[in-house]
Amino acid sequence: MKNLALFFIVALIASTTVVKSQTQKPVKWTFEIKEINRYEVKVIAHATIQEGWKMYGISVPENGPFPTNLVLESNDTFRPVKRTIEDTKPVVKHDDVFDIEVPYFKKKATISHNVRILKRPATIKGYVEFMTCNDESCLPPDEIEFSFEVK
């Protein structure tokens, strides 16, 4: 009977640990849009990163972590201009997890992408994709969606 009780206690602790790791969200995102002129806007994504975690930059070396990116879903109301940029400069250091030099953000990051408006109202939809790690583990890449209407 003691072995059965011990088994259930261990199973409960293990399942709680799995649920906790599945619900960790160390990065919170906010989005905004700024009008540059009548024909162009900037989609801006702000990340707030929990203490002890890091989020990787846009340009990571091959065999490195999953890079952060701002993806725009095409439609006939807008066209992306150039590429996503890092408005916050990442730190570039050796990463023990991947054993290479990688760019990453701690605490805060802002990325953006300019968009050419082709007709109004324009619906700009997309998502950010990113990966986070701490000193012990990495979470799988995640995506957060956004949507704006430019009148």
N, C-alpha and C. Protein backbone atom coordinates (compact mmCIF):
# COMPACT_ATOMS: atom_id res chain seq x y z
N MET A 1 0.82 -1.20 0.00
CA MET A 1 0.00 0.00 0.00
C MET A 1 0.87 1.27 0.00
N LYS A 2 1.98 1.22 0.76
CA LYS A 2 2.88 2.37 0.79
C LYS A 2 3.48 2.63 -0.59
N ASN A 3 3.80 1.53 -1.31
CA ASN A 3 4.37 1.69 -2.65
C ASN A 3 3.36 2.32 -3.60
N LEU A 4 2.10 1.95 -3.47
CA LEU A 4 1.06 2.52 -4.31
C LEU A 4 0.89 4.01 -4.03
N ALA A 5 0.90 4.39 -2.75
CA ALA A 5 0.78 5.81 -2.38
C ALA A 5 1.98 6.59 -2.89
N LEU A 6 3.19 6.02 -2.75
CA LEU A 6 4.39 6.68 -3.24
C LEU A 6 4.33 6.87 -4.75
N PHE A 7 3.84 5.84 -5.47
CA PHE A 7 3.70 5.93 -6.92
C PHE A 7 2.78 7.10 -7.30
N PHE A 8 1.64 7.23 -6.63
CA PHE A 8 0.69 8.31 -6.95
C PHE A 8 1.27 9.69 -6.62
N ILE A 9 2.04 9.79 -5.57
CA ILE A 9 2.67 11.07 -5.22
C ILE A 9 3.69 11.45 -6.29
N VAL A 10 4.52 10.50 -6.70
CA VAL A 10 5.51 10.77 -7.75
C VAL A 10 4.82 11.12 -9.06
N ALA A 11 3.76 10.39 -9.40
CA ALA A 11 3.01 10.67 -10.64
C ALA A 11 2.39 12.07 -10.59
N LEU A 12 1.87 12.48 -9.46
CA LEU A 12 1.28 13.81 -9.32
C LEU A 12 2.33 14.90 -9.48
N ILE A 13 3.49 14.73 -8.86
CA ILE A 13 4.57 15.71 -8.99
C ILE A 13 5.04 15.79 -10.44
N ALA A 14 5.22 14.64 -11.09
CA ALA A 14 5.66 14.63 -12.50
C ALA A 14 4.65 15.31 -13.40
N SER A 15 3.36 15.04 -13.21
CA SER A 15 2.35 15.66 -14.08
C SER A 15 2.27 17.16 -13.83
N THR A 16 2.46 17.60 -12.60
CA THR A 16 2.46 19.04 -12.30
C THR A 16 3.63 19.72 -12.99
N THR A 17 4.79 19.07 -13.01
CA THR A 17 5.98 19.63 -13.67
C THR A 17 5.75 19.74 -15.17
N VAL A 18 5.15 18.74 -15.80
CA VAL A 18 4.87 18.78 -17.24
C VAL A 18 3.90 19.90 -17.57
N VAL A 19 2.83 20.03 -16.78
CA VAL A 19 1.85 21.10 -17.02
C VAL A 19 2.50 22.46 -16.86
N LYS A 20 3.34 22.62 -15.83
CA LYS A 20 4.01 23.91 -15.61
C LYS A 20 4.89 24.27 -16.80
N SER A 21 5.66 23.29 -17.33
CA SER A 21 6.54 23.60 -18.45
C SER A 21 5.75 23.92 -19.71
N GLN A 22 4.57 23.34 -19.85
CA GLN A 22 3.76 23.61 -21.04
C GLN A 22 3.09 24.97 -20.98
N THR A 23 2.93 25.53 -19.80
CA THR A 23 2.22 26.80 -19.68
C THR A 23 3.16 27.98 -19.46
N GLN A 24 4.46 27.76 -19.46
CA GLN A 24 5.39 28.87 -19.29
C GLN A 24 5.32 29.80 -20.50
N LYS A 25 5.16 31.06 -20.24
CA LYS A 25 5.16 32.09 -21.27
C LYS A 25 6.07 33.22 -20.81
N PRO A 26 7.40 33.05 -20.98
CA PRO A 26 8.32 34.06 -20.46
C PRO A 26 8.39 35.35 -21.27
N VAL A 27 7.68 35.42 -22.40
CA VAL A 27 7.68 36.64 -23.21
C VAL A 27 6.24 37.12 -23.41
N LYS A 28 6.01 38.38 -23.12
CA LYS A 28 4.71 39.02 -23.35
C LYS A 28 4.90 40.01 -24.50
N TRP A 29 3.96 40.00 -25.45
CA TRP A 29 4.05 40.85 -26.64
C TRP A 29 2.95 41.90 -26.65
N THR A 30 3.30 43.10 -27.12
CA THR A 30 2.32 44.12 -27.47
C THR A 30 2.66 44.60 -28.88
N PHE A 31 1.65 45.06 -29.59
CA PHE A 31 1.82 45.47 -30.98
C PHE A 31 1.22 46.85 -31.19
N GLU A 32 1.84 47.59 -32.09
CA GLU A 32 1.29 48.89 -32.47
C GLU A 32 1.61 49.16 -33.93
N ILE A 33 0.91 50.14 -34.46
CA ILE A 33 1.15 50.53 -35.85
C ILE A 33 1.34 52.05 -35.86
N LYS A 34 2.37 52.50 -36.56
CA LYS A 34 2.63 53.94 -36.66
C LYS A 34 2.59 54.33 -38.13
N GLU A 35 1.85 55.37 -38.41
CA GLU A 35 1.76 55.85 -39.79
C GLU A 35 2.98 56.72 -40.09
N ILE A 36 3.70 56.36 -41.12
CA ILE A 36 4.88 57.12 -41.54
C ILE A 36 4.43 58.23 -42.50
N ASN A 37 3.60 57.86 -43.44
CA ASN A 37 2.95 58.81 -44.35
C ASN A 37 1.70 58.12 -44.89
N ARG A 38 1.02 58.75 -45.82
CA ARG A 38 -0.25 58.20 -46.34
C ARG A 38 -0.08 56.81 -46.95
N TYR A 39 1.10 56.52 -47.44
CA TYR A 39 1.33 55.27 -48.18
C TYR A 39 2.15 54.23 -47.43
N GLU A 40 2.64 54.59 -46.25
CA GLU A 40 3.49 53.64 -45.54
C GLU A 40 3.24 53.69 -44.03
N VAL A 41 3.21 52.50 -43.42
CA VAL A 41 3.09 52.38 -41.96
C VAL A 41 4.18 51.44 -41.45
N LYS A 42 4.40 51.51 -40.15
CA LYS A 42 5.37 50.62 -39.51
C LYS A 42 4.62 49.75 -38.51
N VAL A 43 4.76 48.42 -38.65
CA VAL A 43 4.22 47.48 -37.67
C VAL A 43 5.32 47.25 -36.64
N ILE A 44 5.00 47.49 -35.37
CA ILE A 44 5.99 47.41 -34.30
C ILE A 44 5.55 46.36 -33.28
N ALA A 45 6.48 45.50 -32.91
CA ALA A 45 6.23 44.46 -31.91
C ALA A 45 7.19 44.66 -30.74
N HIS A 46 6.62 44.79 -29.54
CA HIS A 46 7.42 44.99 -28.32
C HIS A 46 7.35 43.72 -27.48
N ALA A 47 8.50 43.20 -27.09
CA ALA A 47 8.56 42.02 -26.23
C ALA A 47 9.07 42.41 -24.85
N THR A 48 8.41 41.90 -23.82
CA THR A 48 8.88 42.03 -22.45
C THR A 48 9.26 40.61 -22.00
N ILE A 49 10.51 40.43 -21.64
CA ILE A 49 11.07 39.11 -21.37
C ILE A 49 11.31 38.95 -19.87
N GLN A 50 10.79 37.86 -19.32
CA GLN A 50 10.95 37.61 -17.88
C GLN A 50 12.42 37.48 -17.49
N GLU A 51 12.70 37.88 -16.27
CA GLU A 51 14.04 37.76 -15.70
C GLU A 51 14.50 36.30 -15.79
N GLY A 52 15.74 36.11 -16.19
CA GLY A 52 16.30 34.76 -16.28
C GLY A 52 16.12 34.10 -17.64
N TRP A 53 15.37 34.74 -18.54
CA TRP A 53 15.12 34.19 -19.88
C TRP A 53 15.76 35.07 -20.92
N LYS A 54 16.02 34.51 -22.09
CA LYS A 54 16.49 35.29 -23.23
C LYS A 54 15.72 34.85 -24.47
N MET A 55 15.56 35.79 -25.39
CA MET A 55 14.89 35.54 -26.67
C MET A 55 15.91 35.85 -27.75
N TYR A 56 15.99 35.00 -28.75
CA TYR A 56 17.03 35.12 -29.76
C TYR A 56 16.71 36.17 -30.81
N GLY A 57 17.75 36.71 -31.43
CA GLY A 57 17.63 37.78 -32.42
C GLY A 57 17.14 37.28 -33.77
N ILE A 58 17.08 38.19 -34.71
CA ILE A 58 16.57 37.90 -36.06
C ILE A 58 17.59 37.10 -36.87
N SER A 59 18.85 37.45 -36.78
CA SER A 59 19.88 36.80 -37.59
C SER A 59 20.75 35.91 -36.72
N VAL A 60 20.41 34.63 -36.68
CA VAL A 60 21.21 33.69 -35.89
C VAL A 60 21.99 32.78 -36.83
N PRO A 61 23.15 32.31 -36.40
CA PRO A 61 23.95 31.44 -37.26
C PRO A 61 23.24 30.10 -37.52
N GLU A 62 23.67 29.46 -38.60
CA GLU A 62 23.17 28.13 -38.92
C GLU A 62 23.48 27.20 -37.74
N ASN A 63 22.61 26.26 -37.49
CA ASN A 63 22.71 25.32 -36.36
C ASN A 63 22.52 26.01 -35.02
N GLY A 64 21.99 27.21 -35.05
CA GLY A 64 21.72 27.93 -33.82
C GLY A 64 20.26 27.81 -33.43
N PRO A 65 19.83 28.65 -32.52
CA PRO A 65 18.43 28.62 -32.07
C PRO A 65 17.49 29.15 -33.15
N PHE A 66 16.21 28.96 -32.91
CA PHE A 66 15.17 29.46 -33.80
C PHE A 66 15.16 30.99 -33.71
N PRO A 67 15.27 31.71 -34.84
CA PRO A 67 15.34 33.17 -34.78
C PRO A 67 13.97 33.81 -34.56
N THR A 68 14.00 35.02 -34.03
CA THR A 68 12.79 35.83 -33.91
C THR A 68 12.47 36.41 -35.28
N ASN A 69 11.20 36.47 -35.61
CA ASN A 69 10.80 37.04 -36.90
C ASN A 69 9.40 37.62 -36.80
N LEU A 70 9.14 38.64 -37.58
CA LEU A 70 7.82 39.24 -37.70
C LEU A 70 7.32 38.86 -39.09
N VAL A 71 6.30 38.04 -39.15
CA VAL A 71 5.78 37.50 -40.41
C VAL A 71 4.49 38.23 -40.76
N LEU A 72 4.42 38.74 -41.99
CA LEU A 72 3.23 39.44 -42.47
C LEU A 72 2.49 38.52 -43.45
N GLU A 73 1.19 38.37 -43.24
CA GLU A 73 0.37 37.52 -44.11
C GLU A 73 -0.14 38.37 -45.27
N SER A 74 0.30 38.03 -46.46
CA SER A 74 0.01 38.83 -47.65
C SER A 74 -1.48 38.92 -47.98
N ASN A 75 -1.87 40.07 -48.48
CA ASN A 75 -3.18 40.26 -49.10
C ASN A 75 -3.06 41.43 -50.07
N ASP A 76 -4.15 41.80 -50.73
CA ASP A 76 -4.06 42.82 -51.78
C ASP A 76 -4.14 44.26 -51.26
N THR A 77 -4.12 44.45 -49.92
CA THR A 77 -4.22 45.81 -49.38
C THR A 77 -2.87 46.39 -48.94
N PHE A 78 -1.84 45.55 -48.87
CA PHE A 78 -0.53 46.06 -48.47
C PHE A 78 0.58 45.19 -49.06
N ARG A 79 1.80 45.74 -48.98
CA ARG A 79 2.99 45.02 -49.44
C ARG A 79 4.12 45.31 -48.46
N PRO A 80 4.81 44.28 -47.95
CA PRO A 80 5.94 44.52 -47.05
C PRO A 80 7.05 45.29 -47.77
N VAL A 81 7.72 46.17 -47.04
CA VAL A 81 8.85 46.93 -47.57
C VAL A 81 10.11 46.42 -46.89
N LYS A 82 11.07 45.98 -47.68
CA LYS A 82 12.35 45.47 -47.18
C LYS A 82 12.14 44.28 -46.27
N ARG A 83 12.71 44.33 -45.05
CA ARG A 83 12.67 43.18 -44.15
C ARG A 83 12.44 43.64 -42.71
N THR A 84 12.22 42.69 -41.83
CA THR A 84 12.07 42.99 -40.42
C THR A 84 13.40 43.50 -39.86
N ILE A 85 13.32 44.51 -39.00
CA ILE A 85 14.54 45.04 -38.38
C ILE A 85 14.45 44.95 -36.85
N GLU A 86 15.61 44.91 -36.22
CA GLU A 86 15.70 44.94 -34.77
C GLU A 86 15.87 46.39 -34.34
N ASP A 87 14.85 46.96 -33.73
CA ASP A 87 14.95 48.32 -33.22
C ASP A 87 15.75 48.35 -31.92
N THR A 88 15.72 47.24 -31.19
CA THR A 88 16.55 47.06 -30.01
C THR A 88 17.77 46.25 -30.44
N LYS A 89 18.95 46.76 -30.11
CA LYS A 89 20.17 46.04 -30.50
C LYS A 89 20.36 44.83 -29.59
N PRO A 90 20.51 43.63 -30.17
CA PRO A 90 20.72 42.45 -29.33
C PRO A 90 22.15 42.37 -28.79
N VAL A 91 22.30 41.65 -27.70
CA VAL A 91 23.62 41.31 -27.17
C VAL A 91 24.11 40.12 -27.99
N VAL A 92 25.38 40.09 -28.35
CA VAL A 92 25.94 38.94 -29.07
C VAL A 92 27.01 38.32 -28.19
N LYS A 93 26.72 37.10 -27.73
CA LYS A 93 27.66 36.40 -26.86
C LYS A 93 27.60 34.91 -27.15
N HIS A 94 28.59 34.21 -26.61
CA HIS A 94 28.62 32.75 -26.73
C HIS A 94 27.46 32.17 -25.93
N ASP A 95 26.73 31.27 -26.55
CA ASP A 95 25.61 30.60 -25.91
C ASP A 95 26.03 29.17 -25.61
N ASP A 96 26.02 28.82 -24.31
CA ASP A 96 26.46 27.49 -23.90
C ASP A 96 25.52 26.39 -24.41
N VAL A 97 24.24 26.70 -24.56
CA VAL A 97 23.28 25.70 -25.03
C VAL A 97 23.61 25.28 -26.46
N PHE A 98 23.90 26.24 -27.33
CA PHE A 98 24.16 25.96 -28.75
C PHE A 98 25.65 25.94 -29.09
N ASP A 99 26.48 26.37 -28.16
CA ASP A 99 27.93 26.39 -28.30
C ASP A 99 28.40 27.22 -29.51
N ILE A 100 27.75 28.36 -29.72
CA ILE A 100 28.12 29.31 -30.77
C ILE A 100 27.80 30.72 -30.30
N GLU A 101 28.32 31.71 -31.01
CA GLU A 101 27.98 33.11 -30.75
C GLU A 101 26.60 33.38 -31.33
N VAL A 102 25.69 33.91 -30.51
CA VAL A 102 24.34 34.20 -31.00
C VAL A 102 23.86 35.56 -30.48
N PRO A 103 23.00 36.23 -31.27
CA PRO A 103 22.38 37.46 -30.79
C PRO A 103 21.14 37.12 -29.96
N TYR A 104 20.98 37.81 -28.84
CA TYR A 104 19.79 37.57 -28.03
C TYR A 104 19.41 38.84 -27.26
N PHE A 105 18.18 38.83 -26.78
CA PHE A 105 17.63 39.95 -26.01
C PHE A 105 17.33 39.47 -24.60
N LYS A 106 17.54 40.35 -23.65
CA LYS A 106 17.11 40.12 -22.27
C LYS A 106 16.26 41.32 -21.86
N LYS A 107 15.25 41.07 -21.08
CA LYS A 107 14.32 42.07 -20.53
C LYS A 107 13.37 42.65 -21.57
N LYS A 108 13.89 43.31 -22.62
CA LYS A 108 13.00 43.95 -23.60
C LYS A 108 13.58 43.84 -25.01
N ALA A 109 12.68 43.84 -25.99
CA ALA A 109 13.10 43.87 -27.39
C ALA A 109 11.99 44.50 -28.21
N THR A 110 12.38 45.21 -29.26
CA THR A 110 11.42 45.77 -30.20
C THR A 110 11.91 45.45 -31.60
N ILE A 111 11.00 44.89 -32.41
CA ILE A 111 11.27 44.64 -33.82
C ILE A 111 10.17 45.31 -34.63
N SER A 112 10.47 45.61 -35.90
CA SER A 112 9.46 46.28 -36.72
C SER A 112 9.62 45.93 -38.19
N HIS A 113 8.57 46.23 -38.94
CA HIS A 113 8.58 45.98 -40.38
C HIS A 113 7.73 47.06 -41.05
N ASN A 114 8.29 47.74 -42.03
CA ASN A 114 7.52 48.75 -42.76
C ASN A 114 6.64 48.08 -43.81
N VAL A 115 5.49 48.72 -44.04
CA VAL A 115 4.48 48.18 -44.95
C VAL A 115 3.99 49.29 -45.87
N ARG A 116 3.90 49.00 -47.14
CA ARG A 116 3.36 49.93 -48.14
C ARG A 116 1.86 49.66 -48.26
N ILE A 117 1.03 50.70 -48.04
CA ILE A 117 -0.41 50.57 -48.15
C ILE A 117 -0.79 50.69 -49.63
N LEU A 118 -1.49 49.68 -50.15
CA LEU A 118 -1.90 49.67 -51.56
C LEU A 118 -3.32 50.18 -51.74
N LYS A 119 -4.19 49.89 -50.75
CA LYS A 119 -5.54 50.45 -50.77
C LYS A 119 -6.09 50.45 -49.35
N ARG A 120 -6.94 51.43 -49.10
CA ARG A 120 -7.54 51.59 -47.77
C ARG A 120 -9.03 51.27 -47.83
N PRO A 121 -9.56 50.69 -46.76
CA PRO A 121 -8.87 50.27 -45.56
C PRO A 121 -7.98 49.05 -45.84
N ALA A 122 -6.86 49.00 -45.16
CA ALA A 122 -5.92 47.88 -45.32
C ALA A 122 -5.96 47.04 -44.05
N THR A 123 -6.00 45.74 -44.23
CA THR A 123 -5.94 44.82 -43.10
C THR A 123 -4.56 44.18 -43.07
N ILE A 124 -3.85 44.45 -41.99
CA ILE A 124 -2.50 43.91 -41.84
C ILE A 124 -2.54 42.86 -40.73
N LYS A 125 -2.33 41.62 -41.14
CA LYS A 125 -2.31 40.50 -40.19
C LYS A 125 -0.96 39.82 -40.26
N GLY A 126 -0.60 39.24 -39.15
CA GLY A 126 0.65 38.49 -39.11
C GLY A 126 0.89 37.90 -37.75
N TYR A 127 2.13 37.55 -37.52
CA TYR A 127 2.50 36.97 -36.23
C TYR A 127 4.00 37.12 -36.02
N VAL A 128 4.39 37.08 -34.75
CA VAL A 128 5.81 37.00 -34.42
C VAL A 128 6.08 35.55 -34.06
N GLU A 129 7.24 35.08 -34.48
CA GLU A 129 7.68 33.75 -34.09
C GLU A 129 9.01 33.92 -33.36
N PHE A 130 9.22 33.15 -32.30
CA PHE A 130 10.38 33.36 -31.46
C PHE A 130 10.66 32.13 -30.61
N MET A 131 11.86 32.10 -30.04
CA MET A 131 12.26 31.01 -29.15
C MET A 131 12.92 31.61 -27.92
N THR A 132 12.66 31.01 -26.77
CA THR A 132 13.26 31.49 -25.53
C THR A 132 13.98 30.36 -24.80
N CYS A 133 15.02 30.74 -24.08
CA CYS A 133 15.77 29.78 -23.26
C CYS A 133 16.15 30.46 -21.95
N ASN A 134 16.35 29.64 -20.93
CA ASN A 134 16.99 30.11 -19.71
C ASN A 134 18.25 29.28 -19.53
N ASP A 135 18.87 29.31 -18.37
CA ASP A 135 20.13 28.59 -18.18
C ASP A 135 19.95 27.08 -18.11
N GLU A 136 18.70 26.63 -17.96
CA GLU A 136 18.45 25.20 -17.80
C GLU A 136 17.79 24.54 -19.00
N SER A 137 16.97 25.29 -19.73
CA SER A 137 16.21 24.67 -20.82
C SER A 137 15.74 25.71 -21.83
N CYS A 138 15.25 25.20 -22.95
CA CYS A 138 14.65 26.04 -23.99
C CYS A 138 13.22 25.60 -24.19
N LEU A 139 12.36 26.56 -24.46
CA LEU A 139 10.98 26.25 -24.81
C LEU A 139 10.89 26.11 -26.32
N PRO A 140 9.93 25.34 -26.82
CA PRO A 140 9.77 25.23 -28.28
C PRO A 140 9.41 26.59 -28.87
N PRO A 141 9.72 26.81 -30.15
CA PRO A 141 9.33 28.07 -30.78
C PRO A 141 7.83 28.32 -30.60
N ASP A 142 7.48 29.60 -30.49
CA ASP A 142 6.10 30.01 -30.26
C ASP A 142 5.72 31.07 -31.28
N GLU A 143 4.41 31.26 -31.49
CA GLU A 143 3.88 32.29 -32.39
C GLU A 143 2.79 33.07 -31.68
N ILE A 144 2.79 34.39 -31.86
CA ILE A 144 1.75 35.26 -31.33
C ILE A 144 1.21 36.09 -32.49
N GLU A 145 -0.10 36.03 -32.70
CA GLU A 145 -0.74 36.71 -33.83
C GLU A 145 -1.09 38.16 -33.50
N PHE A 146 -1.18 38.98 -34.56
CA PHE A 146 -1.65 40.36 -34.44
C PHE A 146 -2.47 40.70 -35.67
N SER A 147 -3.27 41.76 -35.55
CA SER A 147 -4.07 42.23 -36.69
C SER A 147 -4.37 43.71 -36.49
N PHE A 148 -4.27 44.48 -37.58
CA PHE A 148 -4.57 45.91 -37.57
C PHE A 148 -5.39 46.26 -38.79
N GLU A 149 -6.24 47.25 -38.65
CA GLU A 149 -6.91 47.83 -39.80
C GLU A 149 -6.45 49.26 -39.94
N VAL A 150 -5.93 49.59 -41.11
CA VAL A 150 -5.46 50.94 -41.39
C VAL A 150 -6.53 51.61 -42.25
N LYS A 151 -7.16 52.65 -41.71
CA LYS A 151 -8.26 53.31 -42.42
C LYS A 151 -7.76 54.45 -43.27
